[in-house]
């Protein structure tokens, strides 16, 4: 069984939905990103979906597009 599938099944067996927040890498900057990622993990996130910012994120919508732009400006590579 895939690790992600196991996490989702365990959450379902416990009567809850798995918490899988999305966080863009280096948003708003590298230091803050790691602080937020650690906080999400400490406060119950089952999985973190980390978005890789790129220069043309038009399929992601305006909020993620703005976050990607800011992450790139702060040094995401």
PDB file of N, CA and C in Angstrom:
ATOM      1  N   UNK A   1       0.847  -1.177   0.000  1.00  0.00           N
ATOM      2  CA  UNK A   1       0.000   0.000   0.000  1.00  0.00           C
ATOM      3  C   UNK A   1       0.896   1.245   0.000  1.00  0.00           C
ATOM      4  N   UNK A   2       0.552   2.202  -0.809  1.00  0.00           N
ATOM      5  CA  UNK A   2       1.288   3.467  -0.895  1.00  0.00           C
ATOM      6  C   UNK A   2       1.175   4.216   0.433  1.00  0.00           C
ATOM      7  N   UNK A   3       2.217   4.891   0.831  1.00  0.00           N
ATOM      8  CA  UNK A   3       2.255   5.593   2.121  1.00  0.00           C
ATOM      9  C   UNK A   3       1.112   6.603   2.269  1.00  0.00           C
ATOM     10  N   UNK A   4       0.839   7.371   1.213  1.00  0.00           N
ATOM     11  CA  UNK A   4      -0.239   8.354   1.268  1.00  0.00           C
ATOM     12  C   UNK A   4      -1.587   7.669   1.441  1.00  0.00           C
ATOM     13  N   UNK A   5      -1.789   6.583   0.725  1.00  0.00           N
ATOM     14  CA  UNK A   5      -3.037   5.832   0.853  1.00  0.00           C
ATOM     15  C   UNK A   5      -3.208   5.329   2.286  1.00  0.00           C
ATOM     16  N   UNK A   6      -2.126   4.873   2.898  1.00  0.00           N
ATOM     17  CA  UNK A   6      -2.176   4.384   4.283  1.00  0.00           C
ATOM     18  C   UNK A   6      -2.580   5.508   5.235  1.00  0.00           C
ATOM     19  N   UNK A   7      -2.020   6.686   5.051  1.00  0.00           N
ATOM     20  CA  UNK A   7      -2.346   7.827   5.915  1.00  0.00           C
ATOM     21  C   UNK A   7      -3.820   8.191   5.787  1.00  0.00           C
ATOM     22  N   UNK A   8      -4.321   8.220   4.562  1.00  0.00           N
ATOM     23  CA  UNK A   8      -5.728   8.570   4.336  1.00  0.00           C
ATOM     24  C   UNK A   8      -6.648   7.500   4.919  1.00  0.00           C
ATOM     25  N   UNK A   9      -6.309   6.235   4.736  1.00  0.00           N
ATOM     26  CA  UNK A   9      -7.126   5.150   5.308  1.00  0.00           C
ATOM     27  C   UNK A   9      -7.132   5.193   6.837  1.00  0.00           C
ATOM     28  N   UNK A  10      -5.984   5.495   7.433  1.00  0.00           N
ATOM     29  CA  UNK A  10      -5.922   5.581   8.897  1.00  0.00           C
ATOM     30  C   UNK A  10      -6.793   6.716   9.416  1.00  0.00           C
ATOM     31  N   UNK A  11      -6.772   7.844   8.737  1.00  0.00           N
ATOM     32  CA  UNK A  11      -7.622   8.964   9.142  1.00  0.00           C
ATOM     33  C   UNK A  11      -9.091   8.578   9.021  1.00  0.00           C
ATOM     34  N   UNK A  12      -9.445   7.944   7.917  1.00  0.00           N
ATOM     35  CA  UNK A  12     -10.830   7.524   7.695  1.00  0.00           C
ATOM     36  C   UNK A  12     -11.269   6.530   8.761  1.00  0.00           C
ATOM     37  N   UNK A  13     -10.395   5.585   9.116  1.00  0.00           N
ATOM     38  CA  UNK A  13     -10.710   4.599  10.150  1.00  0.00           C
ATOM     39  C   UNK A  13     -10.918   5.265  11.502  1.00  0.00           C
ATOM     40  N   UNK A  14     -10.248   6.401  11.708  1.00  0.00           N
ATOM     41  CA  UNK A  14     -10.398   7.153  12.958  1.00  0.00           C
ATOM     42  C   UNK A  14     -11.610   8.087  12.908  1.00  0.00           C
ATOM     43  N   UNK A  15     -12.351   8.055  11.790  1.00  0.00           N
ATOM     44  CA  UNK A  15     -13.559   8.865  11.677  1.00  0.00           C
ATOM     45  C   UNK A  15     -13.302  10.321  11.330  1.00  0.00           C
ATOM     46  N   UNK A  16     -12.211  10.586  10.659  1.00  0.00           N
ATOM     47  CA  UNK A  16     -11.910  11.969  10.300  1.00  0.00           C
ATOM     48  C   UNK A  16     -11.346  12.035   8.886  1.00  0.00           C
ATOM     49  N   UNK A  17     -11.288  13.224   8.380  1.00  0.00           N
ATOM     50  CA  UNK A  17     -10.685  13.468   7.078  1.00  0.00           C
ATOM     51  C   UNK A  17      -9.215  13.799   7.285  1.00  0.00           C
ATOM     52  N   UNK A  18      -8.356  13.266   6.451  1.00  0.00           N
ATOM     53  CA  UNK A  18      -6.928  13.584   6.547  1.00  0.00           C
ATOM     54  C   UNK A  18      -6.723  15.068   6.249  1.00  0.00           C
ATOM     55  N   UNK A  19      -5.897  15.698   7.041  1.00  0.00           N
ATOM     56  CA  UNK A  19      -5.574  17.115   6.846  1.00  0.00           C
ATOM     57  C   UNK A  19      -4.316  17.197   5.984  1.00  0.00           C
ATOM     58  N   UNK A  20      -4.481  17.737   4.763  1.00  0.00           N
ATOM     59  CA  UNK A  20      -3.374  17.821   3.807  1.00  0.00           C
ATOM     60  C   UNK A  20      -3.301  19.254   3.277  1.00  0.00           C
ATOM     61  N   UNK A  21      -2.700  20.159   4.051  1.00  0.00           N
ATOM     62  CA  UNK A  21      -2.606  21.553   3.599  1.00  0.00           C
ATOM     63  C   UNK A  21      -1.577  21.727   2.482  1.00  0.00           C
ATOM     64  N   UNK A  22      -1.840  22.717   1.648  1.00  0.00           N
ATOM     65  CA  UNK A  22      -0.930  23.090   0.556  1.00  0.00           C
ATOM     66  C   UNK A  22      -0.155  24.320   0.997  1.00  0.00           C
ATOM     67  N   UNK A  23       1.151  24.296   0.809  1.00  0.00           N
ATOM     68  CA  UNK A  23       1.976  25.452   1.153  1.00  0.00           C
ATOM     69  C   UNK A  23       3.037  25.618   0.065  1.00  0.00           C
ATOM     70  N   UNK A  24       3.091  26.797  -0.555  1.00  0.00           N
ATOM     71  CA  UNK A  24       4.094  27.014  -1.600  1.00  0.00           C
ATOM     72  C   UNK A  24       5.497  27.128  -0.993  1.00  0.00           C
ATOM     73  N   UNK A  25       6.459  26.428  -1.581  1.00  0.00           N
ATOM     74  CA  UNK A  25       7.836  26.478  -1.098  1.00  0.00           C
ATOM     75  C   UNK A  25       8.361  27.912  -1.157  1.00  0.00           C
ATOM     76  N   UNK A  26       9.022  28.323  -0.094  1.00  0.00           N
ATOM     77  CA  UNK A  26       9.642  29.656   0.035  1.00  0.00           C
ATOM     78  C   UNK A  26       8.641  30.802   0.113  1.00  0.00           C
ATOM     79  N   UNK A  27       7.377  30.520   0.424  1.00  0.00           N
ATOM     80  CA  UNK A  27       6.410  31.607   0.546  1.00  0.00           C
ATOM     81  C   UNK A  27       6.225  31.958   2.010  1.00  0.00           C
ATOM     82  N   UNK A  28       6.276  33.197   2.401  1.00  0.00           N
ATOM     83  CA  UNK A  28       6.648  34.367   1.614  1.00  0.00           C
ATOM     84  C   UNK A  28       8.160  34.505   1.452  1.00  0.00           C
ATOM     85  N   UNK A  29       8.896  33.737   2.260  1.00  0.00           N
ATOM     86  CA  UNK A  29      10.358  33.665   2.132  1.00  0.00           C
ATOM     87  C   UNK A  29      10.775  32.323   2.731  1.00  0.00           C
ATOM     88  N   UNK A  30      12.015  31.928   2.532  1.00  0.00           N
ATOM     89  CA  UNK A  30      12.469  30.593   2.945  1.00  0.00           C
ATOM     90  C   UNK A  30      12.320  30.369   4.456  1.00  0.00           C
ATOM     91  N   UNK A  31      12.749  31.323   5.260  1.00  0.00           N
ATOM     92  CA  UNK A  31      12.699  31.161   6.723  1.00  0.00           C
ATOM     93  C   UNK A  31      11.261  31.007   7.212  1.00  0.00           C
ATOM     94  N   UNK A  32      10.374  31.847   6.710  1.00  0.00           N
ATOM     95  CA  UNK A  32       8.974  31.786   7.130  1.00  0.00           C
ATOM     96  C   UNK A  32       8.313  30.503   6.642  1.00  0.00           C
ATOM     97  N   UNK A  33       8.666  30.072   5.437  1.00  0.00           N
ATOM     98  CA  UNK A  33       8.125  28.811   4.916  1.00  0.00           C
ATOM     99  C   UNK A  33       8.404  27.671   5.890  1.00  0.00           C
ATOM    100  N   UNK A  34       9.664  27.527   6.312  1.00  0.00           N
ATOM    101  CA  UNK A  34      10.017  26.425   7.210  1.00  0.00           C
ATOM    102  C   UNK A  34       9.319  26.559   8.555  1.00  0.00           C
ATOM    103  N   UNK A  35       9.159  27.774   9.034  1.00  0.00           N
ATOM    104  CA  UNK A  35       8.434  28.011  10.288  1.00  0.00           C
ATOM    105  C   UNK A  35       6.981  27.547  10.143  1.00  0.00           C
ATOM    106  N   UNK A  36       6.332  27.919   9.034  1.00  0.00           N
ATOM    107  CA  UNK A  36       4.938  27.529   8.813  1.00  0.00           C
ATOM    108  C   UNK A  36       4.804  26.021   8.592  1.00  0.00           C
ATOM    109  N   UNK A  37       5.722  25.428   7.838  1.00  0.00           N
ATOM    110  CA  UNK A  37       5.670  23.985   7.593  1.00  0.00           C
ATOM    111  C   UNK A  37       5.791  23.212   8.910  1.00  0.00           C
ATOM    112  N   UNK A  38       6.710  23.622   9.765  1.00  0.00           N
ATOM    113  CA  UNK A  38       6.882  22.963  11.063  1.00  0.00           C
ATOM    114  C   UNK A  38       5.642  23.131  11.927  1.00  0.00           C
ATOM    115  N   UNK A  39       5.050  24.308  11.885  1.00  0.00           N
ATOM    116  CA  UNK A  39       3.841  24.565  12.667  1.00  0.00           C
ATOM    117  C   UNK A  39       2.680  23.687  12.192  1.00  0.00           C
ATOM    118  N   UNK A  40       2.511  23.570  10.883  1.00  0.00           N
ATOM    119  CA  UNK A  40       1.451  22.710  10.347  1.00  0.00           C
ATOM    120  C   UNK A  40       1.662  21.265  10.792  1.00  0.00           C
ATOM    121  N   UNK A  41       2.892  20.785  10.750  1.00  0.00           N
ATOM    122  CA  UNK A  41       3.191  19.415  11.171  1.00  0.00           C
ATOM    123  C   UNK A  41       2.911  19.224  12.661  1.00  0.00           C
ATOM    124  N   UNK A  42       3.305  20.190  13.475  1.00  0.00           N
ATOM    125  CA  UNK A  42       3.070  20.103  14.925  1.00  0.00           C
ATOM    126  C   UNK A  42       1.591  20.137  15.275  1.00  0.00           C
ATOM    127  N   UNK A  43       0.803  20.813  14.464  1.00  0.00           N
ATOM    128  CA  UNK A  43      -0.604  21.014  14.794  1.00  0.00           C
ATOM    129  C   UNK A  43      -1.548  20.082  14.045  1.00  0.00           C
ATOM    130  N   UNK A  44      -1.036  18.954  13.588  1.00  0.00           N
ATOM    131  CA  UNK A  44      -1.919  17.899  13.120  1.00  0.00           C
ATOM    132  C   UNK A  44      -2.014  17.637  11.635  1.00  0.00           C
ATOM    133  N   UNK A  45      -1.223  18.302  10.821  1.00  0.00           N
ATOM    134  CA  UNK A  45      -1.264  17.981   9.395  1.00  0.00           C
ATOM    135  C   UNK A  45      -0.788  16.541   9.200  1.00  0.00           C
ATOM    136  N   UNK A  46      -1.560  15.774   8.464  1.00  0.00           N
ATOM    137  CA  UNK A  46      -1.172  14.396   8.183  1.00  0.00           C
ATOM    138  C   UNK A  46      -0.107  14.345   7.092  1.00  0.00           C
ATOM    139  N   UNK A  47      -0.214  15.246   6.140  1.00  0.00           N
ATOM    140  CA  UNK A  47       0.694  15.331   4.994  1.00  0.00           C
ATOM    141  C   UNK A  47       0.816  16.804   4.643  1.00  0.00           C
ATOM    142  N   UNK A  48       1.953  17.237   4.159  1.00  0.00           N
ATOM    143  CA  UNK A  48       2.100  18.592   3.619  1.00  0.00           C
ATOM    144  C   UNK A  48       2.271  18.488   2.112  1.00  0.00           C
ATOM    145  N   UNK A  49       1.443  19.205   1.380  1.00  0.00           N
ATOM    146  CA  UNK A  49       1.630  19.307  -0.064  1.00  0.00           C
ATOM    147  C   UNK A  49       2.431  20.579  -0.298  1.00  0.00           C
ATOM    148  N   UNK A  50       3.657  20.434  -0.747  1.00  0.00           N
ATOM    149  CA  UNK A  50       4.540  21.577  -0.952  1.00  0.00           C
ATOM    150  C   UNK A  50       4.576  21.906  -2.439  1.00  0.00           C
ATOM    151  N   UNK A  51       4.098  23.102  -2.754  1.00  0.00           N
ATOM    152  CA  UNK A  51       4.078  23.545  -4.138  1.00  0.00           C
ATOM    153  C   UNK A  51       5.424  24.108  -4.547  1.00  0.00           C
ATOM    154  N   UNK A  52       5.868  23.745  -5.730  1.00  0.00           N
ATOM    155  CA  UNK A  52       7.125  24.261  -6.265  1.00  0.00           C
ATOM    156  C   UNK A  52       6.798  25.468  -7.138  1.00  0.00           C
ATOM    157  N   UNK A  53       7.224  26.670  -6.728  1.00  0.00           N
ATOM    158  CA  UNK A  53       6.897  27.860  -7.509  1.00  0.00           C
ATOM    159  C   UNK A  53       7.626  27.879  -8.848  1.00  0.00           C
ATOM    160  N   UNK A  54       6.915  28.342  -9.854  1.00  0.00           N
ATOM    161  CA  UNK A  54       7.538  28.505 -11.166  1.00  0.00           C
ATOM    162  C   UNK A  54       7.001  29.777 -11.792  1.00  0.00           C
ATOM    163  N   UNK A  55       7.607  30.214 -12.838  1.00  0.00           N
ATOM    164  CA  UNK A  55       7.359  31.557 -13.372  1.00  0.00           C
ATOM    165  C   UNK A  55       6.035  31.739 -14.096  1.00  0.00           C
ATOM    166  N   UNK A  56       5.329  30.666 -14.440  1.00  0.00           N
ATOM    167  CA  UNK A  56       4.083  30.805 -15.188  1.00  0.00           C
ATOM    168  C   UNK A  56       2.992  29.877 -14.641  1.00  0.00           C
ATOM    169  N   UNK A  57       2.543  30.112 -13.393  1.00  0.00           N
ATOM    170  CA  UNK A  57       1.587  29.206 -12.751  1.00  0.00           C
ATOM    171  C   UNK A  57       0.125  29.526 -13.080  1.00  0.00           C
ATOM    172  N   UNK A  58      -0.206  29.782 -14.329  1.00  0.00           N
ATOM    173  CA  UNK A  58      -1.543  30.246 -14.692  1.00  0.00           C
ATOM    174  C   UNK A  58      -2.651  29.247 -14.383  1.00  0.00           C
ATOM    175  N   UNK A  59      -2.375  27.975 -14.318  1.00  0.00           N
ATOM    176  CA  UNK A  59      -3.412  26.982 -14.044  1.00  0.00           C
ATOM    177  C   UNK A  59      -3.793  26.916 -12.569  1.00  0.00           C
ATOM    178  N   UNK A  60      -3.035  27.575 -11.702  1.00  0.00           N
ATOM    179  CA  UNK A  60      -3.261  27.470 -10.263  1.00  0.00           C
ATOM    180  C   UNK A  60      -4.194  28.520  -9.687  1.00  0.00           C
ATOM    181  N   UNK A  61      -4.556  29.527 -10.414  1.00  0.00           N
ATOM    182  CA  UNK A  61      -5.424  30.573  -9.906  1.00  0.00           C
ATOM    183  C   UNK A  61      -4.628  31.727  -9.334  1.00  0.00           C
ATOM    184  N   UNK A  62      -5.318  32.857  -9.092  1.00  0.00           N
ATOM    185  CA  UNK A  62      -4.620  34.088  -8.716  1.00  0.00           C
ATOM    186  C   UNK A  62      -3.918  34.048  -7.360  1.00  0.00           C
ATOM    187  N   UNK A  63      -4.457  33.341  -6.391  1.00  0.00           N
ATOM    188  CA  UNK A  63      -3.834  33.313  -5.062  1.00  0.00           C
ATOM    189  C   UNK A  63      -2.509  32.553  -5.112  1.00  0.00           C
ATOM    190  N   UNK A  64      -2.520  31.364  -5.699  1.00  0.00           N
ATOM    191  CA  UNK A  64      -1.290  30.570  -5.800  1.00  0.00           C
ATOM    192  C   UNK A  64      -0.309  31.247  -6.752  1.00  0.00           C
ATOM    193  N   UNK A  65      -0.817  31.858  -7.811  1.00  0.00           N
ATOM    194  CA  UNK A  65       0.049  32.583  -8.747  1.00  0.00           C
ATOM    195  C   UNK A  65       0.793  33.712  -8.033  1.00  0.00           C
ATOM    196  N   UNK A  66       0.076  34.453  -7.197  1.00  0.00           N
ATOM    197  CA  UNK A  66       0.695  35.546  -6.441  1.00  0.00           C
ATOM    198  C   UNK A  66       1.731  35.011  -5.448  1.00  0.00           C
ATOM    199  N   UNK A  67       1.395  33.917  -4.761  1.00  0.00           N
ATOM    200  CA  UNK A  67       2.330  33.321  -3.802  1.00  0.00           C
ATOM    201  C   UNK A  67       3.582  32.814  -4.515  1.00  0.00           C
ATOM    202  N   UNK A  68       3.405  32.205  -5.685  1.00  0.00           N
ATOM    203  CA  UNK A  68       4.557  31.707  -6.448  1.00  0.00           C
ATOM    204  C   UNK A  68       5.453  32.860  -6.874  1.00  0.00           C
ATOM    205  N   UNK A  69       4.839  33.940  -7.310  1.00  0.00           N
ATOM    206  CA  UNK A  69       5.627  35.106  -7.731  1.00  0.00           C
ATOM    207  C   UNK A  69       6.447  35.633  -6.555  1.00  0.00           C
ATOM    208  N   UNK A  70       5.804  35.755  -5.393  1.00  0.00           N
ATOM    209  CA  UNK A  70       6.507  36.267  -4.212  1.00  0.00           C
ATOM    210  C   UNK A  70       7.616  35.305  -3.782  1.00  0.00           C
ATOM    211  N   UNK A  71       7.359  34.007  -3.843  1.00  0.00           N
ATOM    212  CA  UNK A  71       8.379  33.022  -3.476  1.00  0.00           C
ATOM    213  C   UNK A  71       9.585  33.117  -4.401  1.00  0.00           C
ATOM    214  N   UNK A  72       9.330  33.265  -5.690  1.00  0.00           N
ATOM    215  CA  UNK A  72      10.435  33.400  -6.645  1.00  0.00           C
ATOM    216  C   UNK A  72      11.232  34.675  -6.382  1.00  0.00           C
ATOM    217  N   UNK A  73      10.521  35.749  -6.060  1.00  0.00           N
ATOM    218  CA  UNK A  73      11.201  37.017  -5.768  1.00  0.00           C
ATOM    219  C   UNK A  73      12.036  36.934  -4.498  1.00  0.00           C
ATOM    220  N   UNK A  74      11.645  36.035  -3.575  1.00  0.00           N
ATOM    221  CA  UNK A  74      12.402  35.907  -2.325  1.00  0.00           C
ATOM    222  C   UNK A  74      13.533  34.888  -2.431  1.00  0.00           C
ATOM    223  N   UNK A  75      13.725  34.309  -3.632  1.00  0.00           N
ATOM    224  CA  UNK A  75      14.879  33.445  -3.822  1.00  0.00           C
ATOM    225  C   UNK A  75      14.609  31.975  -4.043  1.00  0.00           C
ATOM    226  N   UNK A  76      13.350  31.568  -4.187  1.00  0.00           N
ATOM    227  CA  UNK A  76      13.065  30.153  -4.447  1.00  0.00           C
ATOM    228  C   UNK A  76      13.707  29.743  -5.764  1.00  0.00           C
ATOM    229  N   UNK A  77      14.343  28.579  -5.754  1.00  0.00           N
ATOM    230  CA  UNK A  77      14.960  28.066  -6.983  1.00  0.00           C
ATOM    231  C   UNK A  77      14.575  26.625  -7.201  1.00  0.00           C
TER     232      UNK A  77
END
